[in-house]
Structures are given as structure tokens and as C-alpha cells.
Amino acid sequence: MEPVDQGSADAHDEVPVHLVLGTVLHGASPFNVGNVNDTFRGQVLCGDGEVRQAIIKDLSPRQLANEIMAAAIGLASRLPIPQPIIAKVEPGVLTASRCVLTDGTGHLVFASADMNTTNVQQVYCGDPENVPLIREKLAAWSDVAGMYGFDTWIANTDRHEGNLLFSGRNDIWLIDHGHSFTGPTWDPAHFKPDEQYNNRLAQWLTPSMSNDRRREVAGPAGSMPARLNGVDISRLGELNYVANILTRGDFDALVEFLNARVQHVPRLASDALGLLL
């Protein structure tokens, strides 16, 4: 794993650089809400000089790349995703082991802005009787179509209730995309653009929708990739430094998969909504 250099887009770049680079500061503490990967809450000194409170995850290179690429696509599509940060952990600052820098200066971790709220699964545990009500609110969310289309397009196999943040102000945030692009250990051989991968929304959220609501959501869900408004996926990925984590061959295969999958999103999103297109 090579060190990541701070790149920048010039005035003629058509793609905004959403990713922030930073360095984890001393004092982060373990933050365990049933996460498979080691997770911490702490501060990150960002390249712009700002210190941000963040949720920090020690991920494998593949999962780190998944988080970065998914966040880049989601933010460019105007979906509510907490600010992603790719952060360096210097020796002695934090226990990290999964994404080592080959120059021996530390590790890379994925961090995202701490929204200081709870995930939907935690809301359920607070009062199980809230489950139907919360699911109804999610089904009625103004951008539920964007979420269905996004998860369909990026082949996200892990959108369970724990991977949505829900605040008392009815703000919703999409988090945890390490299982995108068919899964956390994908290989280009896994990429089948027309295949319906495990879209978990179909299992727990679709049943909470009326037939009318499903039909209402299907159209905009199927057209979600158009939200990029002509932005080149390869350029988006390059600007977000994915190519420094993935091999060139894997990166090119991922871009090809996403581009080829666009035409299948309407059918696959409708399928996740329990509809026949």
C-alpha cells in the first residue's frame, strides 16, 4: 500500500473532490456497537487544518476502497452520506493493522464525520414497539428512491437497519458501504452487471410499503444513476484516490461493472421493490 498524496482538482475539473485526507489524533476510544471491524470515536486533523470529530474504522484495503468509491458516487448523486475521510494512523496513535503503508509510516483507516446520532437498529432496541413506525417513516422518506437505486447500482449487499442513521429531526444518513460492489472481498470475476445481488432493503423495508408507494418509488429509483449528470465514474474514482488502493486492473473492472450496470438498474430496483418491470 503506497502512501496517499493529497491531490487537488483544478478549476476545470467537472467533479467535486468530496474525499478529505487527514491524520488520526491521539485520544480515540473504542466505539463498539456490534461492528465486525474495530471501530473508534476520535478526532482527525484534516488536510484543510480543521479538526473533525469522526467515527474511525480499521478496514481491509478492499473494504476501504469500497467505502471511498461508494461515498464518492453517493455524494455526487446528492445522497446524505457523512463526510468521508481517509486517514493516516501513525505508530502509537491507535491500534490499526489492516491497511498498512508500505513505507512503514503507519496505516490507513476509513473515517467519517460523526453525526452524533443513533442508527435505526439502536432506535428499535430502545423501544421495539417503534419498529413499524420507524419503518413507515423510512418508507415515506423523500429520498427512499435514491437509496433503493443507489444500493441496486453499487450492488450493496449489507443495507440492514444498522447501516442507516436516524435522528430525532427525521434526518437520515446512509453509512457503512464496505460490502458494496458485491461484497467486501470482491474479485472482478464476481461482476455480473445484470445480476440481482442481495439487496437487503427488499427483506425488511419493502414489506412496509404500500403497492402505490412502491410504484411511486420505482421510477426515480431506476433513474438514480442519471443523478451523476454525466460525471465520469472513472474520473470520480481517480479524484477520490481509489486507484491508490486498488490495482489498476481491479479499478478498471469496477468502473466497467458500474457503467454496464446502469441499464439494468430500473429492472433490478423494481425487483427489490417487489414489482415487475
Protein backbone atom coordinates (compact mmCIF):
# COMPACT_ATOMS: atom_id res chain seq x y z
CA MET A 1 0.00 0.00 0.00
CA GLU A 2 1.59 3.25 -1.15
CA PRO A 3 1.20 6.49 0.81
CA VAL A 4 -1.70 8.61 -0.39
CA ASP A 5 -0.78 12.03 -1.71
CA GLN A 6 -3.11 15.00 -1.35
CA GLY A 7 -4.33 15.68 -4.87
CA SER A 8 -6.47 18.57 -5.95
CA ALA A 9 -8.90 19.35 -8.74
CA ASP A 10 -8.20 22.43 -10.81
CA ALA A 11 -10.80 24.96 -11.82
CA HIS A 12 -11.67 23.00 -14.94
CA ASP A 13 -12.48 19.74 -13.15
CA GLU A 14 -16.14 18.90 -13.53
CA VAL A 15 -16.15 16.58 -10.50
CA PRO A 16 -16.08 17.93 -6.93
CA VAL A 17 -13.48 16.35 -4.65
CA HIS A 18 -15.58 15.05 -1.77
CA LEU A 19 -12.94 13.00 -0.01
CA VAL A 20 -10.96 14.57 2.80
CA LEU A 21 -7.48 13.39 3.76
CA GLY A 22 -6.39 13.52 7.38
CA THR A 23 -4.38 12.16 10.29
CA VAL A 24 -5.88 10.48 13.34
CA LEU A 25 -5.03 12.30 16.56
CA HIS A 26 -4.22 10.75 19.92
CA GLY A 27 -7.14 10.00 22.23
CA ALA A 28 -9.55 8.00 20.07
CA SER A 29 -11.56 5.48 22.08
CA PRO A 30 -13.12 2.15 21.07
CA PHE A 31 -16.65 2.50 19.80
CA ASN A 32 -18.38 -0.86 19.61
CA VAL A 33 -21.98 -1.15 18.53
CA GLY A 34 -21.71 -4.70 17.26
CA ASN A 35 -19.32 -3.81 14.44
CA VAL A 36 -17.32 -6.59 12.83
CA ASN A 37 -14.37 -4.25 12.26
CA ASP A 38 -12.55 -2.38 15.04
CA THR A 39 -14.24 0.99 15.35
CA PHE A 40 -13.23 4.12 17.27
CA ARG A 41 -14.59 7.56 18.01
CA GLY A 42 -11.99 10.30 17.92
CA GLN A 43 -10.56 13.35 16.21
CA VAL A 44 -8.95 13.64 12.81
CA LEU A 45 -6.76 16.53 11.70
CA CYS A 46 -7.78 17.14 8.11
CA GLY A 47 -5.73 18.49 5.25
CA ASP A 48 -7.55 21.82 5.40
CA GLY A 49 -6.37 22.30 9.00
CA GLU A 50 -9.76 21.55 10.54
CA VAL A 51 -10.04 19.04 13.38
CA ARG A 52 -13.15 16.90 12.91
CA GLN A 53 -14.90 14.51 15.24
CA ALA A 54 -15.15 11.19 13.41
CA ILE A 55 -16.07 7.55 13.53
CA ILE A 56 -12.91 5.65 12.60
CA LYS A 57 -12.84 2.10 11.19
CA ASP A 58 -9.88 -0.22 10.67
CA LEU A 59 -10.71 -1.85 7.32
CA SER A 60 -9.06 -4.12 4.80
CA PRO A 61 -7.81 -2.38 1.63
CA ARG A 62 -10.79 -3.77 -0.34
CA GLN A 63 -13.34 -2.51 2.18
CA LEU A 64 -11.57 0.83 2.40
CA ALA A 65 -11.75 1.18 -1.37
CA ASN A 66 -15.44 0.20 -1.27
CA GLU A 67 -16.20 2.89 1.31
CA ILE A 68 -14.35 5.55 -0.65
CA MET A 69 -15.87 4.73 -4.03
CA ALA A 70 -19.41 4.32 -2.69
CA ALA A 71 -19.22 7.59 -0.78
CA ALA A 72 -17.88 9.40 -3.85
CA ILE A 73 -20.75 8.13 -6.01
CA GLY A 74 -23.36 8.76 -3.31
CA LEU A 75 -22.25 12.30 -2.58
CA ALA A 76 -22.01 13.15 -6.29
CA SER A 77 -25.59 11.85 -6.53
CA ARG A 78 -26.67 14.16 -3.68
CA LEU A 79 -27.40 11.39 -1.21
CA PRO A 80 -26.99 12.04 2.53
CA ILE A 81 -23.68 10.37 3.37
CA PRO A 82 -21.45 11.63 6.20
CA GLN A 83 -18.25 13.29 5.04
CA PRO A 84 -15.74 10.53 4.22
CA ILE A 85 -12.16 10.87 5.39
CA ILE A 86 -9.22 8.65 4.50
CA ALA A 87 -6.92 8.99 7.48
CA LYS A 88 -3.39 8.02 8.30
CA VAL A 89 -2.68 6.40 11.67
CA GLU A 90 0.88 6.94 12.80
CA PRO A 91 2.56 4.35 15.03
CA GLY A 92 1.44 4.50 18.65
CA VAL A 93 -1.66 6.60 18.00
CA LEU A 94 -4.25 3.86 17.51
CA THR A 95 -4.37 0.08 17.21
CA ALA A 96 -4.76 -0.43 13.46
CA SER A 97 -3.49 -3.37 11.45
CA ARG A 98 -5.45 -3.99 8.27
CA CYS A 99 -4.29 -1.44 5.70
CA VAL A 100 -0.57 -0.95 6.19
CA LEU A 101 1.51 1.68 4.38
CA THR A 102 4.49 0.08 2.71
CA ASP A 103 6.80 2.94 3.68
CA GLY A 104 6.43 1.91 7.32
CA THR A 105 4.91 5.20 8.45
CA GLY A 106 1.65 3.71 9.70
CA HIS A 107 -1.73 2.55 8.44
CA LEU A 108 -4.71 3.89 6.54
CA VAL A 109 -8.17 3.83 8.08
CA PHE A 110 -11.59 4.99 6.96
CA ALA A 111 -13.21 7.77 8.94
CA SER A 112 -16.49 9.58 8.51
CA ALA A 113 -17.90 12.67 10.14
CA ASP A 114 -19.56 11.80 13.46
CA MET A 115 -23.23 12.73 13.04
CA ASN A 116 -23.78 12.26 16.79
CA THR A 117 -26.91 10.22 16.34
CA THR A 118 -28.05 6.59 16.50
CA ASN A 119 -28.66 4.01 13.84
CA VAL A 120 -32.11 2.62 13.16
CA GLN A 121 -31.30 -0.69 14.82
CA GLN A 122 -30.46 1.12 18.05
CA VAL A 123 -33.75 3.01 17.88
CA TYR A 124 -35.51 -0.36 17.64
CA CYS A 125 -33.73 -1.65 20.74
CA GLY A 126 -34.76 1.43 22.69
CA ASP A 127 -38.40 0.55 22.15
CA PRO A 128 -39.29 -2.46 19.94
CA GLU A 129 -42.80 -1.08 19.54
CA ASN A 130 -41.25 1.68 17.41
CA VAL A 131 -40.22 -0.77 14.67
CA PRO A 132 -43.37 -0.44 12.50
CA LEU A 133 -43.47 3.33 12.97
CA ILE A 134 -39.80 3.84 12.07
CA ARG A 135 -40.12 1.61 9.01
CA GLU A 136 -43.16 3.59 7.90
CA LYS A 137 -41.14 6.80 8.26
CA LEU A 138 -38.31 5.33 6.21
CA ALA A 139 -40.74 4.13 3.55
CA ALA A 140 -42.15 7.67 3.36
CA TRP A 141 -38.71 9.32 3.28
CA SER A 142 -38.45 11.79 0.42
CA ASP A 143 -35.33 10.11 -0.99
CA VAL A 144 -36.05 6.46 -0.33
CA ALA A 145 -35.97 6.03 -4.11
CA GLY A 146 -32.41 7.32 -4.19
CA MET A 147 -31.41 4.77 -1.57
CA TYR A 148 -33.00 1.88 -3.49
CA GLY A 149 -31.40 2.98 -6.74
CA PHE A 150 -28.01 3.56 -5.11
CA ASP A 151 -27.87 0.19 -3.35
CA THR A 152 -29.02 -1.52 -6.53
CA TRP A 153 -26.44 0.20 -8.71
CA ILE A 154 -23.45 -0.35 -6.42
CA ALA A 155 -24.53 -3.91 -5.54
CA ASN A 156 -24.60 -3.12 -1.82
CA THR A 157 -25.25 -6.40 -0.01
CA ASP A 158 -25.48 -5.03 3.54
CA ARG A 159 -28.11 -2.28 3.90
CA HIS A 160 -29.59 -3.52 7.16
CA GLU A 161 -31.13 -1.19 9.74
CA GLY A 162 -27.78 -0.72 11.47
CA ASN A 163 -26.42 0.95 8.35
CA LEU A 164 -28.83 3.86 8.45
CA LEU A 165 -28.60 6.73 10.91
CA PHE A 166 -31.87 8.26 12.02
CA SER A 167 -32.11 11.42 14.14
CA GLY A 168 -34.96 12.88 16.12
CA ARG A 169 -35.21 15.58 13.46
CA ASN A 170 -36.03 12.90 10.87
CA ASP A 171 -32.61 13.30 9.27
CA ILE A 172 -31.43 10.10 7.58
CA TRP A 173 -27.83 9.23 6.70
CA LEU A 174 -26.51 6.28 4.69
CA ILE A 175 -23.42 4.68 6.26
CA ASP A 176 -21.18 1.60 6.09
CA HIS A 177 -20.56 0.70 2.45
CA GLY A 178 -17.72 -1.77 2.89
CA HIS A 179 -19.92 -4.56 1.47
CA SER A 180 -20.66 -2.73 -1.79
CA PHE A 181 -19.73 -3.93 -5.29
CA THR A 182 -20.94 -7.47 -4.49
CA GLY A 183 -19.13 -7.74 -1.13
CA PRO A 184 -16.04 -6.99 0.98
CA THR A 185 -13.77 -9.46 -0.82
CA TRP A 186 -14.90 -8.95 -4.41
CA ASP A 187 -12.94 -10.06 -7.40
CA PRO A 188 -13.61 -8.85 -10.97
CA ALA A 189 -14.90 -12.36 -11.74
CA HIS A 190 -17.83 -11.63 -9.40
CA PHE A 191 -19.07 -8.73 -11.53
CA LYS A 192 -22.24 -9.56 -13.46
CA PRO A 193 -23.94 -6.28 -14.44
CA ASP A 194 -27.42 -7.78 -14.86
CA GLU A 195 -27.43 -9.81 -11.63
CA GLN A 196 -29.58 -9.06 -8.59
CA TYR A 197 -27.21 -9.26 -5.66
CA ASN A 198 -28.54 -9.43 -2.10
CA ASN A 199 -30.41 -6.14 -1.76
CA ARG A 200 -31.40 -6.30 1.90
CA LEU A 201 -33.89 -3.45 1.57
CA ALA A 202 -36.17 -5.94 -0.15
CA GLN A 203 -36.22 -8.05 3.01
CA TRP A 204 -37.05 -5.50 5.70
CA LEU A 205 -38.19 -2.20 4.13
CA THR A 206 -40.13 -3.15 1.00
CA PRO A 207 -42.79 -5.04 3.03
CA SER A 208 -43.54 -1.78 4.88
CA MET A 209 -44.51 -0.03 1.65
CA SER A 210 -47.94 0.03 0.08
CA ASN A 211 -48.19 -1.05 -3.54
CA ASP A 212 -48.83 2.56 -4.53
CA ARG A 213 -45.71 3.73 -2.72
CA ARG A 214 -43.61 1.03 -4.36
CA ARG A 215 -44.78 2.08 -7.81
CA GLU A 216 -44.12 5.72 -6.91
CA VAL A 217 -40.57 4.90 -5.85
CA ALA A 218 -39.65 2.57 -8.71
CA GLY A 219 -39.27 5.20 -11.44
CA PRO A 220 -36.85 7.54 -9.66
CA ALA A 221 -35.01 4.55 -8.17
CA GLY A 222 -34.37 3.17 -11.64
CA SER A 223 -33.10 6.51 -12.92
CA MET A 224 -30.83 7.15 -9.95
CA PRO A 225 -27.55 6.79 -11.94
CA ALA A 226 -28.64 9.80 -14.02
CA ARG A 227 -28.11 11.93 -10.93
CA LEU A 228 -24.41 11.93 -11.72
CA ASN A 229 -25.40 14.21 -14.59
CA GLY A 230 -22.71 13.00 -16.95
CA VAL A 231 -19.93 12.76 -14.38
CA ASP A 232 -17.45 10.11 -15.49
CA ILE A 233 -17.22 7.36 -12.86
CA SER A 234 -13.57 6.73 -13.61
CA ARG A 235 -12.75 10.41 -13.09
CA LEU A 236 -14.76 10.41 -9.88
CA GLY A 237 -12.81 7.45 -8.59
CA GLU A 238 -9.47 8.89 -9.60
CA LEU A 239 -10.19 12.15 -7.81
CA ASN A 240 -11.04 10.20 -4.69
CA TYR A 241 -7.76 8.25 -4.75
CA VAL A 242 -9.29 4.80 -5.16
CA ALA A 243 -6.62 3.99 -7.73
CA ASN A 244 -4.01 4.26 -4.95
CA ILE A 245 -5.68 1.45 -3.02
CA LEU A 246 -6.95 -0.81 -5.80
CA THR A 247 -4.74 -2.19 -8.54
CA ARG A 248 -5.32 -0.56 -11.90
CA GLY A 249 -6.87 -3.75 -13.24
CA ASP A 250 -9.34 -4.02 -10.37
CA PHE A 251 -10.23 -0.33 -10.57
CA ASP A 252 -10.89 -0.52 -14.31
CA ALA A 253 -13.02 -3.66 -13.81
CA LEU A 254 -15.07 -1.87 -11.14
CA VAL A 255 -15.69 1.13 -13.37
CA GLU A 256 -16.68 -1.15 -16.26
CA PHE A 257 -19.11 -3.02 -13.99
CA LEU A 258 -20.78 0.18 -12.79
CA ASN A 259 -21.12 1.58 -16.29
CA ALA A 260 -22.55 -1.67 -17.67
CA ARG A 261 -24.96 -1.99 -14.73
CA VAL A 262 -26.70 1.35 -15.36
CA GLN A 263 -29.09 -0.10 -17.95
CA HIS A 264 -30.16 -2.85 -15.54
CA VAL A 265 -30.87 -0.62 -12.52
CA PRO A 266 -34.55 0.05 -13.42
CA ARG A 267 -35.38 -3.66 -13.57
CA LEU A 268 -33.30 -4.62 -10.54
CA ALA A 269 -34.64 -1.75 -8.40
CA SER A 270 -38.20 -2.68 -9.34
CA ASP A 271 -37.43 -6.26 -8.37
CA ALA A 272 -36.17 -5.11 -4.95
CA LEU A 273 -39.44 -3.23 -4.57
CA GLY A 274 -41.43 -6.38 -5.32
CA LEU A 275 -42.61 -5.12 -8.70
CA LEU A 276 -42.40 -6.49 -12.20
CA LEU A 277 -40.98 -4.04 -14.70
